[in-house]
């Protein structure tokens, strides 16, 4: 099986620099003993602070007249007519929404909400104060510090209160307010938070929800470290809480995904909790490359109109806080899908990919991962751009640039003619390809459209407001994508022809010689 090549190291741990490379074994042993002692004390203080806040919250809830309000921003799931999930917030008056238990001891008002303050005198939470003081003064709490405007390290009590408060909230939703604290159940919730605070390197899983595309299976393995899977319900609710504003993506398109591409073996290193959150809430080149590689394989193999509007990071065995009873998730929204999706695409009938079709997708995906060709990588980007750009003219240019990357050479003379010959010649390598003359004619039509674009020609405008017609440039876009898909698929299966001179010598000239021989006979 193929191993995934994608790994991402966002930031090296800055906490490893306490010892020089030349430190003696005695110094390293002493440091390990100090860390072990601090870790044991941290665990004890954390558990005591948890128990203390848990008991305070439960006691407050049981007081006569205490109103336990809902999590008004808890996501509620519905299903569109096309079979995709859609989400909305529960609101302040939804009696069926999960209760906000810890909210009964939170400070009221905007400032209290922003600062996550407990509306309890410090004297009534001595265990929490001990935990805070310990983390402020010991190296094990360095991850909860941030650099302020004076370039000084400042301890974030907001982060600590979110950690302890969200742990209690999750425990109460899992076990109820009547159940006593059970150490095993408590540790199941606290352990990921302990790892989140202490560890410098964290394992994460990349998930890319596939927008407006159905799949007729729950799970499909692509490689040892990647697969396609139905998104679990609770993870669907978690991702629905991530912000969309500023991304250019439609909230409805972000929601409309039943399955996700999943890639393991990723990690992030940092000694700052806020840096981790910020890094995992934005998209970088590495995860975009991983997402686009799979989407390109899906497009090459099936030709479906698809895309994505969200990148998710799922922590593996660690957490920095929780929300209610949902699993932690980070992510970013972005617009990497066809423009038609924004026009109520989530309400229309969408394609369904079968497990049999996924066999072809996996084969193409493996070929892409194994390929070291830079022209393949660049042409894949052009194919993705061709299918997701809003402007059809830009899409056509993407398609022709992709063809030139794969089939062009250093000689620019008669480029469109050479591309016609070479694209048509590739049809002889594929049993299900169209006849060579038809492919050559399609390339000619595409380059006529390209010429009209680059020379500023355009169709006559109409002032008939009632006339809608078809999407401008739709046929040209489809033609560009179809030809580029064909060339990519053929060259991935026959990589020796990534050298255009081999197409000329082994396919075109050989075919010409055969035709000459047949005519002579």
Protein backbone atom coordinates (compact mmCIF):
# COMPACT_ATOMS: atom_id res chain seq x y z
CA UNK A 1 0.00 0.00 0.00
CA UNK A 2 1.03 3.56 -0.69
CA UNK A 3 2.29 5.68 2.17
CA UNK A 4 1.07 9.25 2.36
CA UNK A 5 3.92 11.69 1.78
CA UNK A 6 2.31 14.67 3.46
CA UNK A 7 3.63 15.75 6.85
CA UNK A 8 3.35 19.16 8.37
CA UNK A 9 5.48 20.64 11.13
CA UNK A 10 4.08 24.09 11.84
CA UNK A 11 6.56 25.25 14.46
CA UNK A 12 9.42 23.67 16.37
CA UNK A 13 8.98 23.38 20.09
CA UNK A 14 10.67 26.29 21.80
CA UNK A 15 10.72 24.43 25.07
CA UNK A 16 13.45 22.02 23.97
CA UNK A 17 16.09 24.72 24.19
CA UNK A 18 16.50 24.59 27.95
CA UNK A 19 19.36 22.13 27.59
CA UNK A 20 22.23 22.48 25.16
CA UNK A 21 23.16 19.65 22.81
CA UNK A 22 26.28 19.11 24.95
CA UNK A 23 24.34 18.57 28.18
CA UNK A 24 25.62 15.67 30.26
CA UNK A 25 23.55 12.63 31.08
CA UNK A 26 23.38 13.82 34.71
CA UNK A 27 21.88 17.16 33.59
CA UNK A 28 19.34 15.42 31.40
CA UNK A 29 18.38 13.05 34.22
CA UNK A 30 17.98 15.97 36.62
CA UNK A 31 15.73 17.77 34.16
CA UNK A 32 13.63 14.65 33.66
CA UNK A 33 13.17 14.27 37.42
CA UNK A 34 12.10 17.92 37.75
CA UNK A 35 9.62 17.49 34.93
CA UNK A 36 8.23 14.29 36.42
CA UNK A 37 7.76 16.02 39.78
CA UNK A 38 6.06 19.03 38.17
CA UNK A 39 3.83 16.76 36.10
CA UNK A 40 2.66 14.83 39.16
CA UNK A 41 1.90 18.05 41.03
CA UNK A 42 0.11 19.51 37.99
CA UNK A 43 -2.12 16.43 37.68
CA UNK A 44 -3.04 16.55 41.36
CA UNK A 45 -3.83 20.27 41.30
CA UNK A 46 -5.79 19.93 38.04
CA UNK A 47 -7.97 17.15 39.44
CA UNK A 48 -8.57 19.11 42.65
CA UNK A 49 -9.56 22.24 40.70
CA UNK A 50 -11.89 20.15 38.55
CA UNK A 51 -13.57 18.53 41.56
CA UNK A 52 -13.93 21.90 43.26
CA UNK A 53 -15.57 23.62 40.28
CA UNK A 54 -17.76 20.59 39.58
CA UNK A 55 -19.12 20.63 43.13
CA UNK A 56 -19.60 24.43 43.05
CA UNK A 57 -21.57 24.24 39.78
CA UNK A 58 -23.77 21.36 40.96
CA UNK A 59 -24.50 23.12 44.27
CA UNK A 60 -25.46 26.32 42.43
CA UNK A 61 -27.74 24.41 40.02
CA UNK A 62 -29.59 22.82 42.94
CA UNK A 63 -30.29 26.14 44.63
CA UNK A 64 -33.98 27.14 44.37
CA UNK A 65 -34.57 29.66 41.61
CA UNK A 66 -31.39 28.92 39.66
CA UNK A 67 -32.02 29.15 35.92
CA UNK A 68 -29.81 26.90 33.81
CA UNK A 69 -29.92 28.44 30.37
CA UNK A 70 -29.20 26.69 27.05
CA UNK A 71 -26.09 26.75 24.91
CA UNK A 72 -27.78 29.15 22.51
CA UNK A 73 -25.05 28.66 19.87
CA UNK A 74 -25.30 24.86 19.93
CA UNK A 75 -25.70 23.66 16.31
CA UNK A 76 -28.89 21.97 15.18
CA UNK A 77 -28.82 19.72 12.12
CA UNK A 78 -31.41 19.38 9.39
CA UNK A 79 -31.22 17.74 5.95
CA UNK A 80 -31.79 19.48 2.62
CA UNK A 81 -33.96 18.07 -0.15
CA UNK A 82 -30.76 16.96 -1.89
CA UNK A 83 -29.70 14.92 1.15
CA UNK A 84 -27.00 17.20 2.54
CA UNK A 85 -26.69 18.45 6.14
CA UNK A 86 -27.62 22.01 7.03
CA UNK A 87 -27.07 23.67 10.41
CA UNK A 88 -28.44 26.54 12.45
CA UNK A 89 -27.91 27.74 16.02
CA UNK A 90 -30.35 26.58 18.68
CA UNK A 91 -31.12 30.09 19.91
CA UNK A 92 -31.91 31.41 23.37
CA UNK A 93 -35.39 29.88 23.65
CA UNK A 94 -34.79 26.30 22.56
CA UNK A 95 -35.71 24.13 25.54
CA UNK A 96 -34.28 21.05 23.82
CA UNK A 97 -30.81 22.52 23.48
CA UNK A 98 -28.08 21.22 25.86
CA UNK A 99 -27.96 23.17 29.11
CA UNK A 100 -25.07 25.52 29.88
CA UNK A 101 -24.25 24.14 33.31
CA UNK A 102 -21.04 26.02 34.03
CA UNK A 103 -22.82 29.15 32.86
CA UNK A 104 -24.50 29.36 36.26
CA UNK A 105 -21.16 30.42 37.80
CA UNK A 106 -19.98 32.57 34.89
CA UNK A 107 -20.01 36.35 35.24
CA UNK A 108 -22.92 38.03 33.51
CA UNK A 109 -22.58 40.64 30.79
CA UNK A 110 -20.32 41.04 27.79
CA UNK A 111 -17.12 41.52 29.78
CA UNK A 112 -17.76 38.42 31.82
CA UNK A 113 -18.41 36.41 28.66
CA UNK A 114 -15.23 37.67 26.99
CA UNK A 115 -13.06 37.06 30.07
CA UNK A 116 -14.72 33.72 30.99
CA UNK A 117 -14.75 34.90 34.60
CA UNK A 118 -16.24 32.80 37.35
CA UNK A 119 -18.85 34.67 39.38
CA UNK A 120 -17.46 33.12 42.54
CA UNK A 121 -15.13 34.71 45.11
CA UNK A 122 -11.53 33.52 44.84
CA UNK A 123 -11.73 32.34 48.43
CA UNK A 124 -14.36 29.78 47.40
CA UNK A 125 -12.12 28.30 44.70
CA UNK A 126 -8.81 27.76 46.53
CA UNK A 127 -7.89 24.68 44.47
CA UNK A 128 -8.28 26.62 41.23
CA UNK A 129 -6.12 29.44 42.64
CA UNK A 130 -3.44 26.93 43.61
CA UNK A 131 -3.47 25.47 40.08
CA UNK A 132 -3.21 28.94 38.54
CA UNK A 133 -0.33 29.99 40.80
CA UNK A 134 1.52 26.74 40.11
CA UNK A 135 1.24 27.04 36.31
CA UNK A 136 2.24 30.71 36.43
CA UNK A 137 5.47 29.93 38.27
CA UNK A 138 6.55 26.62 36.78
CA UNK A 139 7.92 25.70 33.36
CA UNK A 140 5.17 23.15 32.77
CA UNK A 141 2.66 26.00 32.40
CA UNK A 142 4.61 27.88 29.73
CA UNK A 143 2.14 26.86 27.00
CA UNK A 144 -0.57 28.96 28.66
CA UNK A 145 1.50 32.13 28.31
CA UNK A 146 1.42 34.61 25.46
CA UNK A 147 3.56 37.58 24.41
CA UNK A 148 1.87 40.91 25.09
CA UNK A 149 2.39 44.28 23.41
CA UNK A 150 5.43 44.88 25.63
CA UNK A 151 6.98 41.69 24.25
CA UNK A 152 6.67 40.10 27.69
CA UNK A 153 5.39 36.62 28.52
CA UNK A 154 2.03 36.88 30.29
CA UNK A 155 0.04 34.00 31.78
CA UNK A 156 -3.44 33.65 30.23
CA UNK A 157 -5.99 33.01 32.93
CA UNK A 158 -8.65 33.03 30.22
CA UNK A 159 -7.15 29.87 28.70
CA UNK A 160 -6.94 28.16 32.09
CA UNK A 161 -10.55 28.98 32.99
CA UNK A 162 -11.69 27.67 29.61
CA UNK A 163 -9.74 24.45 30.18
CA UNK A 164 -11.15 23.76 33.65
CA UNK A 165 -14.63 25.09 32.91
CA UNK A 166 -15.03 23.18 29.64
CA UNK A 167 -13.85 19.96 31.32
CA UNK A 168 -16.53 20.28 33.98
CA UNK A 169 -19.14 21.13 31.35
CA UNK A 170 -18.29 18.06 29.28
CA UNK A 171 -18.29 15.81 32.36
CA UNK A 172 -21.75 16.99 33.42
CA UNK A 173 -23.17 16.37 29.95
CA UNK A 174 -21.71 12.88 29.88
CA UNK A 175 -22.59 11.87 33.43
CA UNK A 176 -25.39 14.17 34.65
CA UNK A 177 -25.60 16.45 37.69
CA UNK A 178 -26.67 13.75 40.11
CA UNK A 179 -23.76 11.37 39.58
CA UNK A 180 -20.78 11.65 41.94
CA UNK A 181 -17.35 12.23 40.49
CA UNK A 182 -15.96 8.95 39.24
CA UNK A 183 -12.14 9.00 38.83
CA UNK A 184 -12.06 6.89 35.66
CA UNK A 185 -14.69 9.02 33.91
CA UNK A 186 -12.98 12.19 35.11
CA UNK A 187 -9.60 11.05 33.78
CA UNK A 188 -11.08 10.25 30.37
CA UNK A 189 -11.94 13.95 30.06
CA UNK A 190 -8.88 15.43 31.78
CA UNK A 191 -6.21 13.27 30.10
CA UNK A 192 -6.45 14.94 26.65
CA UNK A 193 -6.30 18.37 28.33
CA UNK A 194 -3.22 17.35 30.32
CA UNK A 195 -1.51 16.26 27.12
CA UNK A 196 -2.57 19.50 25.46
CA UNK A 197 -0.92 21.58 28.18
CA UNK A 198 2.22 19.50 28.68
CA UNK A 199 3.22 18.05 25.31
CA UNK A 200 5.21 20.08 22.81
CA UNK A 201 4.28 17.96 19.77
CA UNK A 202 0.70 17.03 18.98
CA UNK A 203 -0.67 14.55 16.46
CA UNK A 204 -3.50 15.79 14.28
CA UNK A 205 -5.67 14.43 11.48
CA UNK A 206 -6.55 16.45 8.39
CA UNK A 207 -10.16 16.19 7.22
CA UNK A 208 -11.50 17.78 4.03
CA UNK A 209 -15.32 17.66 3.71
CA UNK A 210 -16.24 17.08 0.05
CA UNK A 211 -18.90 19.59 -0.95
CA UNK A 212 -22.12 18.68 -2.76
CA UNK A 213 -21.04 15.16 -3.65
CA UNK A 214 -22.69 11.93 -2.53
CA UNK A 215 -20.92 8.62 -1.96
CA UNK A 216 -22.70 5.24 -1.74
CA UNK A 217 -20.38 3.84 0.96
CA UNK A 218 -19.33 4.74 4.50
CA UNK A 219 -15.59 4.12 4.30
CA UNK A 220 -13.03 3.64 1.53
CA UNK A 221 -9.29 3.14 2.09
CA UNK A 222 -7.02 5.12 -0.27
CA UNK A 223 -3.62 4.40 1.29
CA UNK A 224 -2.07 3.40 4.61
CA UNK A 225 -2.59 6.90 5.97
CA UNK A 226 -5.57 8.27 4.02
CA UNK A 227 -9.15 7.30 3.32
CA UNK A 228 -12.59 8.66 2.47
CA UNK A 229 -15.19 8.35 5.21
CA UNK A 230 -18.65 9.45 6.22
CA UNK A 231 -18.39 12.32 8.70
CA UNK A 232 -19.64 11.26 12.17
CA UNK A 233 -22.67 13.16 13.45
CA UNK A 234 -20.94 14.78 16.41
CA UNK A 235 -18.04 15.90 14.26
CA UNK A 236 -20.56 17.38 11.83
CA UNK A 237 -21.95 19.45 14.70
CA UNK A 238 -18.46 20.51 15.79
CA UNK A 239 -17.44 21.72 12.33
CA UNK A 240 -20.71 23.64 12.01
CA UNK A 241 -19.47 25.98 14.76
CA UNK A 242 -16.37 27.09 12.85
CA UNK A 243 -16.57 30.61 11.40
CA UNK A 244 -17.14 31.20 7.68
CA UNK A 245 -17.07 35.00 7.47
CA UNK A 246 -14.26 36.51 5.43
CA UNK A 247 -13.56 33.29 3.50
CA UNK A 248 -15.75 33.98 0.46
CA UNK A 249 -17.41 30.59 0.95
CA UNK A 250 -21.15 30.13 1.28
CA UNK A 251 -22.26 28.79 4.65
CA UNK A 252 -24.69 26.44 2.92
CA UNK A 253 -21.91 24.99 0.73
CA UNK A 254 -19.64 24.59 3.77
CA UNK A 255 -22.40 22.63 5.50
CA UNK A 256 -23.32 20.47 2.50
CA UNK A 257 -20.89 17.55 2.90
CA UNK A 258 -21.58 14.00 4.03
CA UNK A 259 -18.08 12.56 3.51
CA UNK A 260 -14.53 13.78 4.01
CA UNK A 261 -11.07 12.99 2.73
CA UNK A 262 -9.03 11.99 5.80
CA UNK A 263 -5.23 12.13 6.02
CA UNK A 264 -3.28 10.96 9.10
CA UNK A 265 0.36 11.31 10.18
CA UNK A 266 0.33 15.08 10.60
CA UNK A 267 1.68 16.94 13.62
CA UNK A 268 2.13 20.40 15.07
CA UNK A 269 4.76 21.62 17.51
CA UNK A 270 4.51 24.74 19.65
CA UNK A 271 4.93 25.88 23.23
CA UNK A 272 1.99 28.29 22.98
CA UNK A 273 -1.63 27.21 23.15
CA UNK A 274 -2.77 30.37 21.38
CA UNK A 275 -0.27 29.74 18.55
CA UNK A 276 -1.64 26.23 18.08
CA UNK A 277 -5.20 27.53 17.86
CA UNK A 278 -4.22 30.27 15.42
CA UNK A 279 -2.13 27.96 13.24
CA UNK A 280 -4.87 25.35 12.98
CA UNK A 281 -7.48 28.00 12.14
CA UNK A 282 -5.85 28.98 8.87
CA UNK A 283 -4.91 27.14 5.68
CA UNK A 284 -1.30 26.70 4.61
CA UNK A 285 0.29 25.34 1.45
CA UNK A 286 0.88 21.81 2.76
CA UNK A 287 -2.69 20.96 3.68
CA UNK A 288 -4.00 22.70 0.54
CA UNK A 289 -1.64 20.51 -1.48
CA UNK A 290 -2.97 17.37 0.25
CA UNK A 291 -6.61 18.39 -0.30
CA UNK A 292 -6.08 19.46 -3.91
CA UNK A 293 -4.23 16.25 -4.74
CA UNK A 294 -7.18 14.10 -3.72
CA UNK A 295 -9.73 16.42 -5.35
CA UNK A 296 -7.73 16.39 -8.56
CA UNK A 297 -7.62 12.58 -8.54
CA UNK A 298 -11.39 12.56 -8.03
CA UNK A 299 -11.89 14.98 -10.92
CA UNK A 300 -9.51 13.18 -13.29
CA UNK A 301 -11.04 9.78 -12.60
CA UNK A 302 -14.74 10.69 -12.57
CA UNK A 303 -15.17 14.12 -14.14
CA UNK A 304 -17.66 15.11 -11.42
CA UNK A 305 -18.24 18.73 -10.51
CA UNK A 306 -17.00 18.87 -6.95
CA UNK A 307 -14.83 20.84 -4.51
CA UNK A 308 -14.39 21.74 -0.86
CA UNK A 309 -15.12 24.71 1.39
CA UNK A 310 -13.50 23.71 4.66
CA UNK A 311 -10.28 22.24 6.04
CA UNK A 312 -10.49 20.56 9.45
CA UNK A 313 -7.87 19.55 12.00
CA UNK A 314 -8.95 16.90 14.50
CA UNK A 315 -6.69 16.50 17.59
CA UNK A 316 -5.58 12.93 18.26
CA UNK A 317 -5.43 12.22 21.99
CA UNK A 318 -5.13 15.84 23.15
CA UNK A 319 -7.26 18.95 23.59
CA UNK A 320 -6.94 22.56 24.74
CA UNK A 321 -10.60 22.95 25.67
CA UNK A 322 -14.03 21.52 24.88
CA UNK A 323 -17.39 22.83 23.81
CA UNK A 324 -20.31 21.21 25.61
CA UNK A 325 -20.40 17.51 24.65
CA UNK A 326 -18.81 17.82 21.20
CA UNK A 327 -15.34 16.63 20.10
CA UNK A 328 -12.69 19.35 19.64
CA UNK A 329 -11.94 20.44 16.08
CA UNK A 330 -10.09 23.31 14.45
CA UNK A 331 -10.30 24.51 10.89
CA UNK A 332 -10.69 27.16 8.24
CA UNK A 333 -13.25 27.91 5.56
CA UNK A 334 -12.19 28.71 2.02
CA UNK A 335 -13.72 28.79 -1.44
CA UNK A 336 -12.35 25.89 -3.48
CA UNK A 337 -15.44 24.84 -5.40
CA UNK A 338 -17.29 25.70 -8.65
CA UNK A 339 -19.12 29.03 -8.68
CA UNK A 340 -22.40 27.25 -9.55
CA UNK A 341 -22.49 25.77 -6.06
CA UNK A 342 -23.33 29.20 -4.63
CA UNK A 343 -26.50 29.34 -6.73
CA UNK A 344 -28.54 27.01 -4.49
CA UNK A 345 -26.36 24.05 -5.48
CA UNK A 346 -27.09 22.43 -2.11
CA UNK A 347 -30.77 22.11 -3.12
CA UNK A 348 -30.10 20.47 -6.49
CA UNK A 349 -29.49 16.86 -7.44
CA UNK A 350 -25.77 16.14 -7.12
CA UNK A 351 -23.56 13.29 -8.40
CA UNK A 352 -23.05 10.06 -6.47
CA UNK A 353 -19.67 8.31 -6.50
CA UNK A 354 -19.74 4.53 -6.16
CA UNK A 355 -17.18 2.25 -4.54
CA UNK A 356 -16.38 0.88 -7.99
CA UNK A 357 -15.58 4.39 -9.25
CA UNK A 358 -13.42 4.92 -6.19
CA UNK A 359 -11.22 2.05 -7.35
CA UNK A 360 -10.26 4.23 -10.32
CA UNK A 361 -9.90 7.28 -8.09
CA UNK A 362 -7.52 5.39 -5.80
CA UNK A 363 -5.45 4.24 -8.78
CA UNK A 364 -5.10 7.81 -10.07
CA UNK A 365 -4.39 9.08 -6.54
CA UNK A 366 -1.56 6.55 -6.16
CA UNK A 367 -0.13 7.58 -9.54
CA UNK A 368 -0.15 11.24 -8.48
CA UNK A 369 1.54 10.52 -5.14
CA UNK A 370 4.20 8.42 -6.87
CA UNK A 371 4.86 11.01 -9.57
CA UNK A 372 7.84 13.33 -9.15
CA UNK A 373 6.93 15.39 -12.21
CA UNK A 374 6.65 19.11 -11.52
CA UNK A 375 4.71 19.59 -14.75
CA UNK A 376 2.10 17.13 -13.46
CA UNK A 377 1.82 19.10 -10.19
CA UNK A 378 1.46 22.42 -11.98
CA UNK A 379 -1.04 21.03 -14.50
CA UNK A 380 -3.12 19.62 -11.63
CA UNK A 381 -3.34 23.10 -10.14
CA UNK A 382 -4.50 24.40 -13.50
CA UNK A 383 -7.18 21.71 -13.71
CA UNK A 384 -8.44 22.58 -10.24
CA UNK A 385 -8.44 26.26 -11.18
CA UNK A 386 -10.20 25.54 -14.46
CA UNK A 387 -13.07 23.90 -12.58
CA UNK A 388 -13.37 26.35 -9.68
CA UNK A 389 -12.70 29.82 -11.10
CA UNK A 390 -15.64 32.19 -11.26
CA UNK A 391 -14.59 33.70 -14.60
CA UNK A 392 -14.92 31.20 -17.49
CA UNK A 393 -12.26 33.07 -19.47
CA UNK A 394 -9.74 32.50 -16.69
CA UNK A 395 -10.83 28.86 -16.60
CA UNK A 396 -10.09 28.43 -20.32
CA UNK A 397 -6.66 30.00 -19.87
CA UNK A 398 -6.00 27.63 -16.95
CA UNK A 399 -6.89 24.68 -19.17
CA UNK A 400 -4.65 25.72 -22.05
CA UNK A 401 -1.74 26.54 -19.74
CA UNK A 402 -2.13 23.06 -18.25
CA UNK A 403 -1.93 21.48 -21.71
CA UNK A 404 1.15 23.54 -22.55
CA UNK A 405 2.84 22.51 -19.31
CA UNK A 406 2.38 18.85 -20.21
CA UNK A 407 2.76 18.85 -24.00
CA UNK A 408 4.65 22.04 -24.84
CA UNK A 409 8.36 22.41 -25.54
CA UNK A 410 10.99 25.12 -25.73
CA UNK A 411 10.01 25.99 -29.29
CA UNK A 412 6.95 28.26 -29.34
CA UNK A 413 6.44 28.11 -33.10
CA UNK A 414 3.16 26.51 -34.16
CA UNK A 415 2.38 25.67 -30.53
CA UNK A 416 -1.34 25.07 -31.00
CA UNK A 417 -0.65 22.82 -34.00
CA UNK A 418 1.86 20.72 -32.04
CA UNK A 419 -0.56 20.46 -29.12
CA UNK A 420 -3.27 19.20 -31.48
CA UNK A 421 -0.98 16.49 -32.81
CA UNK A 422 0.38 15.44 -29.43
CA UNK A 423 -2.99 15.40 -27.66
CA UNK A 424 -4.49 13.38 -30.49
CA UNK A 425 -1.54 10.97 -30.46
CA UNK A 426 -2.17 10.20 -26.78
CA UNK A 427 -5.50 8.68 -27.78
CA UNK A 428 -3.56 5.70 -29.14
CA UNK A 429 -2.49 4.87 -25.58
CA UNK A 430 -6.04 4.64 -24.21
CA UNK A 431 -8.58 2.05 -25.27
CA UNK A 432 -11.56 4.19 -24.25
CA UNK A 433 -10.34 7.48 -25.75
CA UNK A 434 -12.12 9.26 -28.58
CA UNK A 435 -10.66 8.93 -32.08
CA UNK A 436 -7.55 11.03 -32.69
CA UNK A 437 -9.17 13.31 -35.33
CA UNK A 438 -11.99 14.24 -32.92
CA UNK A 439 -9.53 15.07 -30.15
CA UNK A 440 -7.44 17.19 -32.52
CA UNK A 441 -10.57 19.08 -33.55
CA UNK A 442 -11.44 19.74 -29.90
CA UNK A 443 -7.97 21.14 -29.23
CA UNK A 444 -8.38 23.41 -32.26
CA UNK A 445 -11.72 24.71 -30.95
CA UNK A 446 -10.23 25.29 -27.51
CA UNK A 447 -7.37 27.35 -28.91
CA UNK A 448 -9.78 29.38 -31.00
CA UNK A 449 -11.59 30.24 -27.76
CA UNK A 450 -8.26 31.04 -26.11
CA UNK A 451 -7.26 33.29 -28.99
CA UNK A 452 -10.54 35.21 -28.69
CA UNK A 453 -9.90 35.74 -24.98
CA UNK A 454 -6.27 36.90 -25.19
CA UNK A 455 -7.00 39.20 -28.16
CA UNK A 456 -9.94 40.87 -26.45
CA UNK A 457 -12.72 39.52 -28.65
CA UNK A 458 -16.12 38.94 -27.10
CA UNK A 459 -19.62 37.96 -28.06
CA UNK A 460 -22.19 40.63 -28.83
CA UNK A 461 -23.99 41.91 -25.78
CA UNK A 462 -27.75 41.85 -25.49
CA UNK A 463 -30.03 44.29 -23.70
CA UNK A 464 -32.80 41.72 -23.41
CA UNK A 465 -33.16 41.43 -19.62
CA UNK A 466 -35.45 38.43 -19.89
CA UNK A 467 -32.97 36.40 -21.90
CA UNK A 468 -30.77 34.33 -19.63
CA UNK A 469 -29.30 31.78 -22.03
CA UNK A 470 -26.58 29.46 -20.81
CA UNK A 471 -23.66 30.33 -18.58
CA UNK A 472 -21.21 32.40 -20.61
CA UNK A 473 -18.17 30.33 -21.52
CA UNK A 474 -19.60 27.15 -19.99
CA UNK A 475 -18.90 24.98 -23.05
CA UNK A 476 -15.37 26.35 -23.42
CA UNK A 477 -14.65 25.67 -19.74
CA UNK A 478 -15.97 22.11 -20.05
CA UNK A 479 -13.89 21.53 -23.16
CA UNK A 480 -10.71 22.80 -21.48
CA UNK A 481 -11.31 20.63 -18.40
CA UNK A 482 -12.16 17.56 -20.50
CA UNK A 483 -8.97 17.78 -22.56
CA UNK A 484 -6.73 18.49 -19.57
CA UNK A 485 -8.30 15.59 -17.64
CA UNK A 486 -7.66 13.28 -20.59
CA UNK A 487 -4.01 14.32 -20.95
CA UNK A 488 -3.32 14.08 -17.21
CA UNK A 489 -4.94 10.66 -16.95
CA UNK A 490 -2.99 9.35 -19.94
CA UNK A 491 0.40 10.73 -18.87
CA UNK A 492 -0.02 9.53 -15.29
CA UNK A 493 -0.56 6.02 -16.69
CA UNK A 494 2.28 6.44 -19.25
CA UNK A 495 4.85 8.70 -17.56
CA UNK A 496 7.56 8.21 -20.19
CA UNK A 497 5.53 10.44 -22.51
CA UNK A 498 5.94 13.37 -20.13
CA UNK A 499 8.79 14.09 -22.52
CA UNK A 500 6.94 15.54 -25.56
CA UNK A 501 9.77 14.47 -27.88
CA UNK A 502 8.88 10.84 -27.16
CA UNK A 503 5.30 11.51 -28.24
CA UNK A 504 6.69 12.91 -31.50
CA UNK A 505 9.15 10.07 -32.15
CA UNK A 506 7.29 7.07 -30.79
CA UNK A 507 3.67 7.93 -31.53
CA UNK A 508 3.30 10.59 -34.20
CA UNK A 509 6.21 9.64 -36.50
CA UNK A 510 5.63 5.92 -36.04
CA UNK A 511 1.96 6.36 -36.93
CA UNK A 512 2.91 8.45 -39.93
CA UNK A 513 5.38 5.79 -41.09
CA UNK A 514 2.73 3.10 -40.69
CA UNK A 515 0.25 5.14 -42.72
CA UNK A 516 2.87 5.64 -45.45
CA UNK A 517 3.62 1.93 -45.54
CA UNK A 518 -0.07 1.10 -45.83
CA UNK A 519 -0.55 3.57 -48.66
CA UNK A 520 2.48 2.18 -50.54
CA UNK A 521 1.18 -1.35 -50.26
